[in-house]
Amino acid sequence: MTQNKRSLVAGILYLSLIIPGPFAFLLIPDMIYSAANPNAYITNNMYLIYVWLFLDILIIGIEIVLAYLLLKLFNPVNKTLSQVAYVLRMLVVGVMMINVGFLLMILFNSNQNPLVYVDLHLDFTYVWQFIFSFHVLVLGIFMIKYIKTLWKYLGYVLILGSIGYFIDVFNYFLIDSAFFTSVGNILLIFVTLAEIGMGIALLLRKATPKSLVS
């Protein structure tokens, strides 16, 4: 596969995450936690857990392929940064696989308190977001350092997005502050912009080694 084709496929995969991501990470958990009795809601709507499981597995599959493609794309330019980014993204995949285990426990365990596993799933979602914040930071550094067109400014958006992830995780585990929630939410807007922007850059082949100065 040529670098141009790798970039095209990587861009498609990056943008495809926009579809399952919000459902798996936001909508389904919010539906459960918003219920008057979350445990009863889960028990009476087990199809949601099957959908959630499918989405998590789909995202994991996309992430594995995407991590490999990004490694191949960026390795000729900076081997160290590309390998660090790859390892970080695969660590994210590892944590996501643990989350799959929690959903399987809900489906195949007779525990009358399935919300426990949903809580664990949420906790580990923030764990992988912590790791992912560093992956996004590496991508931002890469773009700023090597891109010689206006696309280099996407690197700054990626770095702001990585800070947004970090603050969100920090606030969830340690602070639980309304102020940091607001700051994190504002910066997480940059996460969305960065993810879409990176997908478009790859799709248009603006982040391939041909566009970079080694």
N, C-alpha and C. Protein backbone atom coordinates (compact mmCIF):
# COMPACT_ATOMS: atom_id res chain seq x y z
N MET A 1 0.84 -1.20 0.00
CA MET A 1 0.00 0.00 0.00
C MET A 1 0.88 1.25 0.00
N THR A 2 0.59 2.18 -0.88
CA THR A 2 1.36 3.42 -0.95
C THR A 2 1.01 4.33 0.23
N GLN A 3 1.88 5.33 0.46
CA GLN A 3 1.63 6.28 1.54
C GLN A 3 0.34 7.06 1.31
N ASN A 4 0.07 7.42 0.07
CA ASN A 4 -1.16 8.15 -0.24
C ASN A 4 -2.40 7.33 0.11
N LYS A 5 -2.35 6.04 -0.22
CA LYS A 5 -3.49 5.17 0.10
C LYS A 5 -3.62 4.98 1.60
N ARG A 6 -2.48 4.83 2.29
CA ARG A 6 -2.52 4.71 3.75
C ARG A 6 -3.17 5.94 4.37
N SER A 7 -2.77 7.11 3.87
CA SER A 7 -3.31 8.36 4.40
C SER A 7 -4.82 8.45 4.15
N LEU A 8 -5.24 8.04 2.96
CA LEU A 8 -6.66 8.07 2.61
C LEU A 8 -7.47 7.16 3.52
N VAL A 9 -6.99 5.93 3.70
CA VAL A 9 -7.70 4.97 4.55
C VAL A 9 -7.70 5.44 6.00
N ALA A 10 -6.55 5.96 6.47
CA ALA A 10 -6.47 6.46 7.84
C ALA A 10 -7.45 7.61 8.06
N GLY A 11 -7.57 8.49 7.07
CA GLY A 11 -8.51 9.60 7.18
C GLY A 11 -9.95 9.13 7.27
N ILE A 12 -10.28 8.14 6.45
CA ILE A 12 -11.64 7.58 6.49
C ILE A 12 -11.92 6.95 7.85
N LEU A 13 -10.95 6.20 8.37
CA LEU A 13 -11.13 5.56 9.67
C LEU A 13 -11.24 6.60 10.78
N TYR A 14 -10.40 7.63 10.72
CA TYR A 14 -10.45 8.70 11.72
C TYR A 14 -11.84 9.33 11.76
N LEU A 15 -12.36 9.67 10.59
CA LEU A 15 -13.68 10.31 10.53
C LEU A 15 -14.80 9.35 10.88
N SER A 16 -14.59 8.06 10.61
CA SER A 16 -15.63 7.07 10.92
C SER A 16 -15.86 6.94 12.42
N LEU A 17 -14.85 7.28 13.22
CA LEU A 17 -15.00 7.21 14.68
C LEU A 17 -16.01 8.23 15.20
N ILE A 18 -16.32 9.23 14.38
CA ILE A 18 -17.30 10.24 14.78
C ILE A 18 -18.68 9.61 14.99
N ILE A 19 -18.96 8.50 14.30
CA ILE A 19 -20.29 7.88 14.38
C ILE A 19 -20.46 7.03 15.64
N PRO A 20 -19.63 6.00 15.87
CA PRO A 20 -19.86 5.15 17.05
C PRO A 20 -19.41 5.79 18.36
N GLY A 21 -18.41 6.69 18.31
CA GLY A 21 -17.86 7.27 19.52
C GLY A 21 -18.88 7.93 20.44
N PRO A 22 -19.65 8.91 19.96
CA PRO A 22 -20.61 9.58 20.82
C PRO A 22 -21.66 8.64 21.42
N PHE A 23 -22.06 7.62 20.67
CA PHE A 23 -23.04 6.66 21.20
C PHE A 23 -22.43 5.83 22.33
N ALA A 24 -21.20 5.35 22.12
CA ALA A 24 -20.57 4.46 23.09
C ALA A 24 -20.08 5.20 24.33
N PHE A 25 -19.57 6.41 24.16
CA PHE A 25 -18.94 7.11 25.27
C PHE A 25 -19.84 8.13 25.95
N LEU A 26 -20.92 8.55 25.28
CA LEU A 26 -21.77 9.59 25.84
C LEU A 26 -23.23 9.18 25.97
N LEU A 27 -23.86 8.83 24.85
CA LEU A 27 -25.30 8.62 24.82
C LEU A 27 -25.75 7.46 25.69
N ILE A 28 -25.18 6.27 25.48
CA ILE A 28 -25.62 5.10 26.24
C ILE A 28 -25.35 5.26 27.74
N PRO A 29 -24.14 5.68 28.15
CA PRO A 29 -23.94 5.90 29.59
C PRO A 29 -24.90 6.93 30.17
N ASP A 30 -25.17 7.99 29.42
CA ASP A 30 -26.08 9.03 29.91
C ASP A 30 -27.50 8.48 30.07
N MET A 31 -27.93 7.62 29.15
CA MET A 31 -29.25 7.01 29.26
C MET A 31 -29.36 6.18 30.53
N ILE A 32 -28.29 5.48 30.86
CA ILE A 32 -28.30 4.63 32.06
C ILE A 32 -28.28 5.47 33.33
N TYR A 33 -27.38 6.43 33.39
CA TYR A 33 -27.25 7.23 34.61
C TYR A 33 -28.43 8.18 34.81
N SER A 34 -29.14 8.49 33.75
CA SER A 34 -30.29 9.39 33.87
C SER A 34 -31.55 8.68 34.35
N ALA A 35 -31.52 7.37 34.33
CA ALA A 35 -32.69 6.59 34.75
C ALA A 35 -32.92 6.72 36.25
N ALA A 36 -34.19 6.66 36.66
CA ALA A 36 -34.53 6.74 38.08
C ALA A 36 -33.91 5.59 38.85
N ASN A 37 -33.92 4.41 38.24
CA ASN A 37 -33.30 3.22 38.84
C ASN A 37 -32.39 2.59 37.80
N PRO A 38 -31.11 2.99 37.79
CA PRO A 38 -30.20 2.51 36.74
C PRO A 38 -30.09 1.00 36.65
N ASN A 39 -30.07 0.31 37.80
CA ASN A 39 -29.96 -1.14 37.77
C ASN A 39 -31.15 -1.78 37.07
N ALA A 40 -32.35 -1.32 37.41
CA ALA A 40 -33.56 -1.84 36.77
C ALA A 40 -33.58 -1.48 35.29
N TYR A 41 -33.11 -0.28 34.98
CA TYR A 41 -33.08 0.16 33.58
C TYR A 41 -32.18 -0.74 32.76
N ILE A 42 -31.01 -1.08 33.31
CA ILE A 42 -30.09 -1.97 32.60
C ILE A 42 -30.73 -3.34 32.39
N THR A 43 -31.32 -3.88 33.46
CA THR A 43 -31.94 -5.21 33.40
C THR A 43 -33.07 -5.26 32.37
N ASN A 44 -33.83 -4.19 32.29
CA ASN A 44 -34.98 -4.16 31.37
C ASN A 44 -34.62 -3.73 29.95
N ASN A 45 -33.38 -3.30 29.76
CA ASN A 45 -32.95 -2.84 28.43
C ASN A 45 -31.59 -3.43 28.09
N MET A 46 -31.50 -4.75 28.19
CA MET A 46 -30.22 -5.41 27.95
C MET A 46 -29.74 -5.24 26.51
N TYR A 47 -30.66 -4.94 25.61
CA TYR A 47 -30.24 -4.72 24.22
C TYR A 47 -29.24 -3.57 24.13
N LEU A 48 -29.36 -2.59 25.05
CA LEU A 48 -28.43 -1.46 25.06
C LEU A 48 -27.00 -1.93 25.33
N ILE A 49 -26.87 -2.93 26.20
CA ILE A 49 -25.55 -3.46 26.53
C ILE A 49 -24.97 -4.18 25.32
N TYR A 50 -25.82 -4.90 24.58
CA TYR A 50 -25.34 -5.56 23.35
C TYR A 50 -24.89 -4.53 22.32
N VAL A 51 -25.68 -3.46 22.18
CA VAL A 51 -25.30 -2.39 21.25
C VAL A 51 -23.99 -1.75 21.70
N TRP A 52 -23.89 -1.50 22.99
CA TRP A 52 -22.69 -0.89 23.56
C TRP A 52 -21.46 -1.78 23.32
N LEU A 53 -21.64 -3.07 23.54
CA LEU A 53 -20.56 -4.03 23.32
C LEU A 53 -20.12 -4.02 21.86
N PHE A 54 -21.10 -4.04 20.96
CA PHE A 54 -20.78 -4.00 19.53
C PHE A 54 -20.00 -2.74 19.17
N LEU A 55 -20.45 -1.60 19.70
CA LEU A 55 -19.78 -0.33 19.39
C LEU A 55 -18.36 -0.31 19.94
N ASP A 56 -18.18 -0.81 21.16
CA ASP A 56 -16.84 -0.85 21.74
C ASP A 56 -15.90 -1.72 20.91
N ILE A 57 -16.38 -2.88 20.49
CA ILE A 57 -15.56 -3.78 19.68
C ILE A 57 -15.25 -3.15 18.32
N LEU A 58 -16.25 -2.49 17.74
CA LEU A 58 -16.04 -1.81 16.46
C LEU A 58 -14.97 -0.73 16.58
N ILE A 59 -15.05 0.06 17.64
CA ILE A 59 -14.08 1.13 17.86
C ILE A 59 -12.68 0.55 18.07
N ILE A 60 -12.59 -0.55 18.82
CA ILE A 60 -11.30 -1.20 19.05
C ILE A 60 -10.69 -1.65 17.72
N GLY A 61 -11.50 -2.26 16.87
CA GLY A 61 -11.01 -2.71 15.57
C GLY A 61 -10.49 -1.55 14.73
N ILE A 62 -11.24 -0.46 14.72
CA ILE A 62 -10.81 0.73 13.97
C ILE A 62 -9.51 1.29 14.54
N GLU A 63 -9.43 1.34 15.87
CA GLU A 63 -8.24 1.90 16.53
C GLU A 63 -6.99 1.08 16.22
N ILE A 64 -7.12 -0.23 16.18
CA ILE A 64 -5.96 -1.09 15.90
C ILE A 64 -5.42 -0.82 14.49
N VAL A 65 -6.33 -0.80 13.52
CA VAL A 65 -5.92 -0.54 12.13
C VAL A 65 -5.36 0.87 12.00
N LEU A 66 -6.02 1.83 12.64
CA LEU A 66 -5.59 3.23 12.55
C LEU A 66 -4.21 3.42 13.17
N ALA A 67 -3.97 2.78 14.30
CA ALA A 67 -2.66 2.88 14.95
C ALA A 67 -1.56 2.37 14.03
N TYR A 68 -1.82 1.26 13.36
CA TYR A 68 -0.84 0.68 12.44
C TYR A 68 -0.58 1.61 11.24
N LEU A 69 -1.66 2.16 10.69
CA LEU A 69 -1.52 3.04 9.53
C LEU A 69 -0.75 4.32 9.88
N LEU A 70 -1.04 4.88 11.05
CA LEU A 70 -0.33 6.09 11.47
C LEU A 70 1.15 5.79 11.69
N LEU A 71 1.45 4.61 12.23
CA LEU A 71 2.85 4.21 12.40
C LEU A 71 3.56 4.18 11.06
N LYS A 72 2.94 3.55 10.08
CA LYS A 72 3.55 3.43 8.75
C LYS A 72 3.66 4.79 8.05
N LEU A 73 2.69 5.66 8.30
CA LEU A 73 2.71 6.98 7.67
C LEU A 73 3.82 7.87 8.21
N PHE A 74 3.97 7.88 9.54
CA PHE A 74 4.87 8.83 10.17
C PHE A 74 6.26 8.28 10.46
N ASN A 75 6.41 6.96 10.39
CA ASN A 75 7.69 6.34 10.70
C ASN A 75 8.84 6.85 9.83
N PRO A 76 8.63 7.08 8.51
CA PRO A 76 9.74 7.57 7.69
C PRO A 76 10.20 8.98 8.05
N VAL A 77 9.37 9.71 8.78
CA VAL A 77 9.69 11.10 9.10
C VAL A 77 10.37 11.22 10.46
N ASN A 78 9.78 10.61 11.46
CA ASN A 78 10.37 10.61 12.80
C ASN A 78 10.01 9.29 13.47
N LYS A 79 10.96 8.39 13.48
CA LYS A 79 10.72 7.03 13.97
C LYS A 79 10.32 7.03 15.45
N THR A 80 10.99 7.85 16.24
CA THR A 80 10.72 7.86 17.68
C THR A 80 9.31 8.34 17.98
N LEU A 81 8.93 9.50 17.42
CA LEU A 81 7.59 10.04 17.67
C LEU A 81 6.50 9.09 17.16
N SER A 82 6.72 8.50 16.00
CA SER A 82 5.70 7.61 15.43
C SER A 82 5.53 6.37 16.29
N GLN A 83 6.62 5.85 16.84
CA GLN A 83 6.53 4.66 17.68
C GLN A 83 5.91 4.98 19.03
N VAL A 84 6.23 6.14 19.59
CA VAL A 84 5.60 6.56 20.84
C VAL A 84 4.09 6.70 20.65
N ALA A 85 3.70 7.35 19.55
CA ALA A 85 2.27 7.51 19.25
C ALA A 85 1.59 6.16 19.09
N TYR A 86 2.28 5.23 18.44
CA TYR A 86 1.71 3.89 18.22
C TYR A 86 1.52 3.16 19.55
N VAL A 87 2.54 3.18 20.39
CA VAL A 87 2.45 2.49 21.69
C VAL A 87 1.33 3.07 22.53
N LEU A 88 1.22 4.39 22.56
CA LEU A 88 0.17 5.04 23.34
C LEU A 88 -1.21 4.66 22.84
N ARG A 89 -1.38 4.63 21.52
CA ARG A 89 -2.70 4.29 20.97
C ARG A 89 -3.04 2.83 21.24
N MET A 90 -2.04 1.95 21.21
CA MET A 90 -2.29 0.54 21.51
C MET A 90 -2.57 0.32 23.00
N LEU A 91 -1.98 1.15 23.85
CA LEU A 91 -2.32 1.09 25.27
C LEU A 91 -3.79 1.48 25.48
N VAL A 92 -4.23 2.47 24.72
CA VAL A 92 -5.65 2.85 24.74
C VAL A 92 -6.52 1.65 24.36
N VAL A 93 -6.11 0.94 23.32
CA VAL A 93 -6.85 -0.25 22.88
C VAL A 93 -6.90 -1.29 23.99
N GLY A 94 -5.78 -1.47 24.69
CA GLY A 94 -5.74 -2.43 25.79
C GLY A 94 -6.75 -2.10 26.88
N VAL A 95 -6.85 -0.83 27.24
CA VAL A 95 -7.81 -0.41 28.27
C VAL A 95 -9.24 -0.58 27.75
N MET A 96 -9.45 -0.29 26.47
CA MET A 96 -10.78 -0.48 25.88
C MET A 96 -11.20 -1.95 25.93
N MET A 97 -10.24 -2.85 25.78
CA MET A 97 -10.54 -4.28 25.86
C MET A 97 -10.98 -4.67 27.27
N ILE A 98 -10.40 -4.03 28.27
CA ILE A 98 -10.85 -4.26 29.65
C ILE A 98 -12.30 -3.83 29.79
N ASN A 99 -12.65 -2.71 29.17
CA ASN A 99 -14.04 -2.24 29.21
C ASN A 99 -15.00 -3.23 28.55
N VAL A 100 -14.54 -3.88 27.49
CA VAL A 100 -15.35 -4.93 26.86
C VAL A 100 -15.64 -6.02 27.88
N GLY A 101 -14.64 -6.35 28.69
CA GLY A 101 -14.83 -7.35 29.74
C GLY A 101 -15.90 -6.96 30.73
N PHE A 102 -15.96 -5.68 31.09
CA PHE A 102 -17.00 -5.21 32.02
C PHE A 102 -18.39 -5.37 31.42
N LEU A 103 -18.53 -5.09 30.14
CA LEU A 103 -19.84 -5.26 29.49
C LEU A 103 -20.22 -6.73 29.41
N LEU A 104 -19.24 -7.58 29.17
CA LEU A 104 -19.51 -9.03 29.14
C LEU A 104 -19.95 -9.51 30.52
N MET A 105 -19.40 -8.93 31.57
CA MET A 105 -19.81 -9.29 32.93
C MET A 105 -21.28 -8.95 33.16
N ILE A 106 -21.73 -7.84 32.61
CA ILE A 106 -23.14 -7.48 32.74
C ILE A 106 -24.02 -8.51 32.03
N LEU A 107 -23.58 -8.94 30.85
CA LEU A 107 -24.39 -9.85 30.04
C LEU A 107 -24.43 -11.26 30.59
N PHE A 108 -23.33 -11.71 31.16
CA PHE A 108 -23.23 -13.13 31.53
C PHE A 108 -23.08 -13.36 33.03
N ASN A 109 -23.26 -12.31 33.82
CA ASN A 109 -23.19 -12.43 35.27
C ASN A 109 -24.56 -12.14 35.85
N SER A 110 -24.97 -12.93 36.82
CA SER A 110 -26.30 -12.76 37.42
C SER A 110 -26.31 -11.71 38.52
N ASN A 111 -25.25 -10.94 38.64
CA ASN A 111 -25.16 -9.90 39.65
C ASN A 111 -26.36 -8.96 39.54
N GLN A 112 -26.99 -8.69 40.69
CA GLN A 112 -28.17 -7.83 40.70
C GLN A 112 -27.81 -6.35 40.70
N ASN A 113 -26.52 -6.07 40.63
CA ASN A 113 -26.08 -4.68 40.63
C ASN A 113 -25.18 -4.42 39.42
N PRO A 114 -25.74 -4.50 38.22
CA PRO A 114 -24.92 -4.31 37.00
C PRO A 114 -24.33 -2.92 36.88
N LEU A 115 -24.89 -1.97 37.63
CA LEU A 115 -24.37 -0.60 37.57
C LEU A 115 -22.90 -0.54 38.00
N VAL A 116 -22.50 -1.50 38.84
CA VAL A 116 -21.10 -1.56 39.27
C VAL A 116 -20.17 -1.65 38.06
N TYR A 117 -20.54 -2.48 37.09
CA TYR A 117 -19.70 -2.67 35.91
C TYR A 117 -19.77 -1.46 34.97
N VAL A 118 -20.92 -0.79 34.98
CA VAL A 118 -21.03 0.45 34.19
C VAL A 118 -20.12 1.52 34.80
N ASP A 119 -20.10 1.58 36.14
CA ASP A 119 -19.22 2.53 36.82
C ASP A 119 -17.75 2.24 36.49
N LEU A 120 -17.39 0.95 36.51
CA LEU A 120 -16.02 0.57 36.18
C LEU A 120 -15.69 0.91 34.73
N HIS A 121 -16.67 0.69 33.85
CA HIS A 121 -16.49 1.04 32.44
C HIS A 121 -16.20 2.53 32.30
N LEU A 122 -16.93 3.35 33.05
CA LEU A 122 -16.73 4.80 33.00
C LEU A 122 -15.34 5.16 33.54
N ASP A 123 -14.96 4.54 34.67
CA ASP A 123 -13.64 4.82 35.25
C ASP A 123 -12.53 4.51 34.25
N PHE A 124 -12.63 3.36 33.60
CA PHE A 124 -11.57 2.95 32.67
C PHE A 124 -11.63 3.74 31.36
N THR A 125 -12.80 4.29 31.05
CA THR A 125 -12.87 5.20 29.91
C THR A 125 -12.01 6.43 30.16
N TYR A 126 -12.05 6.92 31.40
CA TYR A 126 -11.20 8.05 31.75
C TYR A 126 -9.73 7.65 31.81
N VAL A 127 -9.45 6.39 32.15
CA VAL A 127 -8.07 5.91 32.14
C VAL A 127 -7.50 5.97 30.72
N TRP A 128 -8.30 5.44 29.75
CA TRP A 128 -7.77 5.48 28.38
C TRP A 128 -7.74 6.90 27.83
N GLN A 129 -8.64 7.76 28.30
CA GLN A 129 -8.57 9.16 27.87
C GLN A 129 -7.29 9.83 28.36
N PHE A 130 -6.85 9.45 29.56
CA PHE A 130 -5.59 9.97 30.10
C PHE A 130 -4.42 9.58 29.19
N ILE A 131 -4.38 8.31 28.80
CA ILE A 131 -3.33 7.84 27.90
C ILE A 131 -3.45 8.52 26.54
N PHE A 132 -4.70 8.63 26.07
CA PHE A 132 -4.94 9.21 24.75
C PHE A 132 -4.52 10.68 24.69
N SER A 133 -4.61 11.37 25.83
CA SER A 133 -4.21 12.78 25.85
C SER A 133 -2.75 12.93 25.43
N PHE A 134 -1.91 11.98 25.82
CA PHE A 134 -0.50 12.04 25.45
C PHE A 134 -0.30 11.66 23.98
N HIS A 135 -1.13 10.74 23.50
CA HIS A 135 -1.08 10.39 22.07
C HIS A 135 -1.42 11.61 21.21
N VAL A 136 -2.47 12.32 21.60
CA VAL A 136 -2.88 13.52 20.85
C VAL A 136 -1.79 14.59 20.94
N LEU A 137 -1.15 14.69 22.11
CA LEU A 137 -0.05 15.64 22.28
C LEU A 137 1.09 15.34 21.32
N VAL A 138 1.44 14.06 21.19
CA VAL A 138 2.51 13.65 20.27
C VAL A 138 2.14 14.00 18.83
N LEU A 139 0.89 13.74 18.45
CA LEU A 139 0.45 14.10 17.10
C LEU A 139 0.55 15.60 16.86
N GLY A 140 0.18 16.38 17.89
CA GLY A 140 0.27 17.83 17.77
C GLY A 140 1.70 18.30 17.57
N ILE A 141 2.61 17.75 18.36
CA ILE A 141 4.02 18.10 18.22
C ILE A 141 4.53 17.74 16.83
N PHE A 142 4.12 16.57 16.36
CA PHE A 142 4.52 16.10 15.04
C PHE A 142 4.07 17.07 13.95
N MET A 143 2.82 17.49 14.02
CA MET A 143 2.27 18.40 13.01
C MET A 143 3.00 19.74 13.02
N ILE A 144 3.22 20.29 14.22
CA ILE A 144 3.87 21.60 14.34
C ILE A 144 5.31 21.54 13.84
N LYS A 145 5.98 20.45 14.16
CA LYS A 145 7.41 20.34 13.83
C LYS A 145 7.67 20.10 12.35
N TYR A 146 6.79 19.34 11.70
CA TYR A 146 7.12 18.89 10.35
C TYR A 146 6.25 19.46 9.23
N ILE A 147 5.01 19.81 9.53
CA ILE A 147 4.15 20.35 8.47
C ILE A 147 4.59 21.77 8.14
N LYS A 148 4.76 22.06 6.87
CA LYS A 148 5.23 23.37 6.45
C LYS A 148 4.15 24.17 5.72
N THR A 149 2.91 23.77 5.88
CA THR A 149 1.78 24.50 5.30
C THR A 149 0.89 24.98 6.44
N LEU A 150 -0.24 25.59 6.09
CA LEU A 150 -1.17 26.07 7.12
C LEU A 150 -1.72 24.94 7.97
N TRP A 151 -1.61 23.71 7.48
CA TRP A 151 -2.09 22.57 8.26
C TRP A 151 -1.30 22.39 9.55
N LYS A 152 -0.12 23.01 9.66
CA LYS A 152 0.67 22.89 10.88
C LYS A 152 -0.09 23.43 12.09
N TYR A 153 -0.99 24.39 11.85
CA TYR A 153 -1.75 24.98 12.96
C TYR A 153 -2.74 24.00 13.57
N LEU A 154 -3.03 22.94 12.83
CA LEU A 154 -3.83 21.87 13.41
C LEU A 154 -3.11 21.27 14.61
N GLY A 155 -1.78 21.32 14.58
CA GLY A 155 -1.00 20.81 15.71
C GLY A 155 -1.33 21.53 17.00
N TYR A 156 -1.53 22.84 16.94
CA TYR A 156 -1.87 23.60 18.14
C TYR A 156 -3.26 23.22 18.65
N VAL A 157 -4.17 22.96 17.73
CA VAL A 157 -5.51 22.52 18.12
C VAL A 157 -5.43 21.16 18.80
N LEU A 158 -4.59 20.28 18.26
CA LEU A 158 -4.40 18.96 18.86
C LEU A 158 -3.84 19.09 20.28
N ILE A 159 -2.90 19.98 20.47
CA ILE A 159 -2.32 20.17 21.81
C ILE A 159 -3.36 20.70 22.78
N LEU A 160 -4.18 21.66 22.34
CA LEU A 160 -5.27 22.15 23.20
C LEU A 160 -6.24 21.03 23.52
N GLY A 161 -6.51 20.18 22.53
CA GLY A 161 -7.37 19.03 22.76
C GLY A 161 -6.79 18.07 23.78
N SER A 162 -5.49 17.85 23.72
CA SER A 162 -4.84 16.95 24.67
C SER A 162 -4.93 17.50 26.09
N ILE A 163 -4.79 18.82 26.22
CA ILE A 163 -4.94 19.46 27.53
C ILE A 163 -6.37 19.31 28.03
N GLY A 164 -7.33 19.42 27.11
CA GLY A 164 -8.74 19.22 27.47
C GLY A 164 -8.99 17.83 28.01
N TYR A 165 -8.44 16.82 27.35
CA TYR A 165 -8.56 15.45 27.84
C TYR A 165 -7.97 15.33 29.24
N PHE A 166 -6.77 15.88 29.42
CA PHE A 166 -6.06 15.76 30.69
C PHE A 166 -6.84 16.42 31.82
N ILE A 167 -7.34 17.63 31.59
CA ILE A 167 -8.12 18.33 32.62
C ILE A 167 -9.39 17.57 32.95
N ASP A 168 -10.04 17.01 31.93
CA ASP A 168 -11.27 16.24 32.13
C ASP A 168 -11.00 15.04 33.03
N VAL A 169 -9.91 14.34 32.78
CA VAL A 169 -9.54 13.17 33.58
C VAL A 169 -9.16 13.60 34.99
N PHE A 170 -8.34 14.64 35.10
CA PHE A 170 -7.90 15.17 36.39
C PHE A 170 -9.09 15.56 37.24
N ASN A 171 -10.05 16.23 36.63
CA ASN A 171 -11.25 16.67 37.34
C ASN A 171 -12.10 15.49 37.79
N TYR A 172 -12.19 14.46 36.95
CA TYR A 172 -13.03 13.30 37.27
C TYR A 172 -12.48 12.52 38.46
N PHE A 173 -11.19 12.28 38.48
CA PHE A 173 -10.61 11.43 39.51
C PHE A 173 -10.22 12.17 40.79
N LEU A 174 -9.85 13.45 40.68
CA LEU A 174 -9.24 14.12 41.83
C LEU A 174 -9.96 15.35 42.35
N ILE A 175 -10.55 16.14 41.49
CA ILE A 175 -11.04 17.45 41.92
C ILE A 175 -12.55 17.52 42.01
N ASP A 176 -13.24 17.15 40.94
CA ASP A 176 -14.69 17.28 40.83
C ASP A 176 -15.13 18.73 41.07
N SER A 177 -14.51 19.63 40.32
CA SER A 177 -14.77 21.07 40.46
C SER A 177 -15.61 21.58 39.30
N ALA A 178 -16.57 22.43 39.61
CA ALA A 178 -17.41 23.02 38.57
C ALA A 178 -16.56 23.88 37.63
N PHE A 179 -15.56 24.56 38.21
CA PHE A 179 -14.68 25.40 37.40
C PHE A 179 -13.90 24.57 36.39
N PHE A 180 -13.27 23.49 36.87
CA PHE A 180 -12.49 22.65 35.97
C PHE A 180 -13.39 21.90 34.99
N THR A 181 -14.62 21.63 35.40
CA THR A 181 -15.57 21.02 34.47
C THR A 181 -15.83 21.96 33.30
N SER A 182 -16.03 23.24 33.62
CA SER A 182 -16.29 24.24 32.57
C SER A 182 -15.07 24.41 31.66
N VAL A 183 -13.89 24.52 32.28
CA VAL A 183 -12.65 24.67 31.50
C VAL A 183 -12.44 23.45 30.62
N GLY A 184 -12.63 22.27 31.22
CA GLY A 184 -12.46 21.03 30.46
C GLY A 184 -13.42 20.94 29.30
N ASN A 185 -14.67 21.33 29.54
CA ASN A 185 -15.68 21.26 28.47
C ASN A 185 -15.33 22.20 27.31
N ILE A 186 -14.80 23.38 27.65
CA ILE A 186 -14.40 24.33 26.60
C ILE A 186 -13.25 23.75 25.78
N LEU A 187 -12.26 23.20 26.48
CA LEU A 187 -11.11 22.64 25.78
C LEU A 187 -11.47 21.37 25.01
N LEU A 188 -12.49 20.65 25.50
CA LEU A 188 -12.90 19.43 24.79
C LEU A 188 -13.54 19.76 23.44
N ILE A 189 -13.96 21.00 23.27
CA ILE A 189 -14.42 21.43 21.95
C ILE A 189 -13.26 21.30 20.95
N PHE A 190 -12.07 21.64 21.44
CA PHE A 190 -10.88 21.53 20.59
C PHE A 190 -10.56 20.07 20.28
N VAL A 191 -10.95 19.17 21.20
CA VAL A 191 -10.77 17.73 20.94
C VAL A 191 -11.55 17.34 19.69
N THR A 192 -12.81 17.75 19.65
CA THR A 192 -13.66 17.44 18.49
C THR A 192 -13.10 18.05 17.22
N LEU A 193 -12.71 19.33 17.31
CA LEU A 193 -12.14 20.00 16.14
C LEU A 193 -10.85 19.32 15.69
N ALA A 194 -10.04 18.91 16.67
CA ALA A 194 -8.76 18.28 16.35
C ALA A 194 -8.97 16.92 15.69
N GLU A 195 -9.91 16.14 16.22
CA GLU A 195 -10.16 14.81 15.66
C GLU A 195 -10.68 14.92 14.23
N ILE A 196 -11.63 15.82 14.02
CA ILE A 196 -12.17 16.02 12.67
C ILE A 196 -11.08 16.57 11.74
N GLY A 197 -10.32 17.55 12.26
CA GLY A 197 -9.26 18.15 11.47
C GLY A 197 -8.19 17.16 11.07
N MET A 198 -7.81 16.29 12.00
CA MET A 198 -6.80 15.28 11.69
C MET A 198 -7.31 14.31 10.65
N GLY A 199 -8.58 13.93 10.78
CA GLY A 199 -9.18 13.04 9.79
C GLY A 199 -9.19 13.65 8.40
N ILE A 200 -9.54 14.94 8.34
CA ILE A 200 -9.57 15.64 7.04
C ILE A 200 -8.16 15.77 6.47
N ALA A 201 -7.19 16.11 7.35
CA ALA A 201 -5.80 16.25 6.90
C ALA A 201 -5.29 14.95 6.29
N LEU A 202 -5.62 13.84 6.94
CA LEU A 202 -5.20 12.54 6.42
C LEU A 202 -5.94 12.21 5.12
N LEU A 203 -7.23 12.51 5.11
CA LEU A 203 -8.05 12.23 3.93
C LEU A 203 -7.54 12.98 2.71
N LEU A 204 -7.11 14.21 2.93
CA LEU A 204 -6.60 15.05 1.84
C LEU A 204 -5.10 14.84 1.60
N ARG A 205 -4.54 13.90 2.35
CA ARG A 205 -3.12 13.56 2.23
C ARG A 205 -2.22 14.77 2.51
N LYS A 206 -2.59 15.52 3.55
CA LYS A 206 -1.81 16.68 3.96
C LYS A 206 -0.89 16.37 5.14
N ALA A 207 -0.94 15.14 5.65
CA ALA A 207 -0.09 14.78 6.78
C ALA A 207 0.79 13.59 6.46
N THR A 208 0.97 13.32 5.18
CA THR A 208 1.83 12.22 4.75
C THR A 208 3.26 12.71 4.62
N PRO A 209 4.22 11.79 4.62
CA PRO A 209 5.62 12.20 4.50
C PRO A 209 5.94 13.11 3.33
N LYS A 210 5.18 13.04 2.24
CA LYS A 210 5.42 13.92 1.09
C LYS A 210 5.17 15.38 1.46
N SER A 211 4.33 15.60 2.47
CA SER A 211 4.01 16.96 2.88
C SER A 211 4.93 17.44 4.00
N LEU A 212 5.87 16.58 4.39
CA LEU A 212 6.70 16.87 5.55
C LEU A 212 8.15 17.04 5.15
N VAL A 213 8.84 17.73 6.01
CA VAL A 213 10.29 17.89 5.81
C VAL A 213 10.98 17.07 6.88
N SER A 214 11.74 16.07 6.50
CA SER A 214 12.38 15.17 7.47
C SER A 214 13.62 15.81 8.07
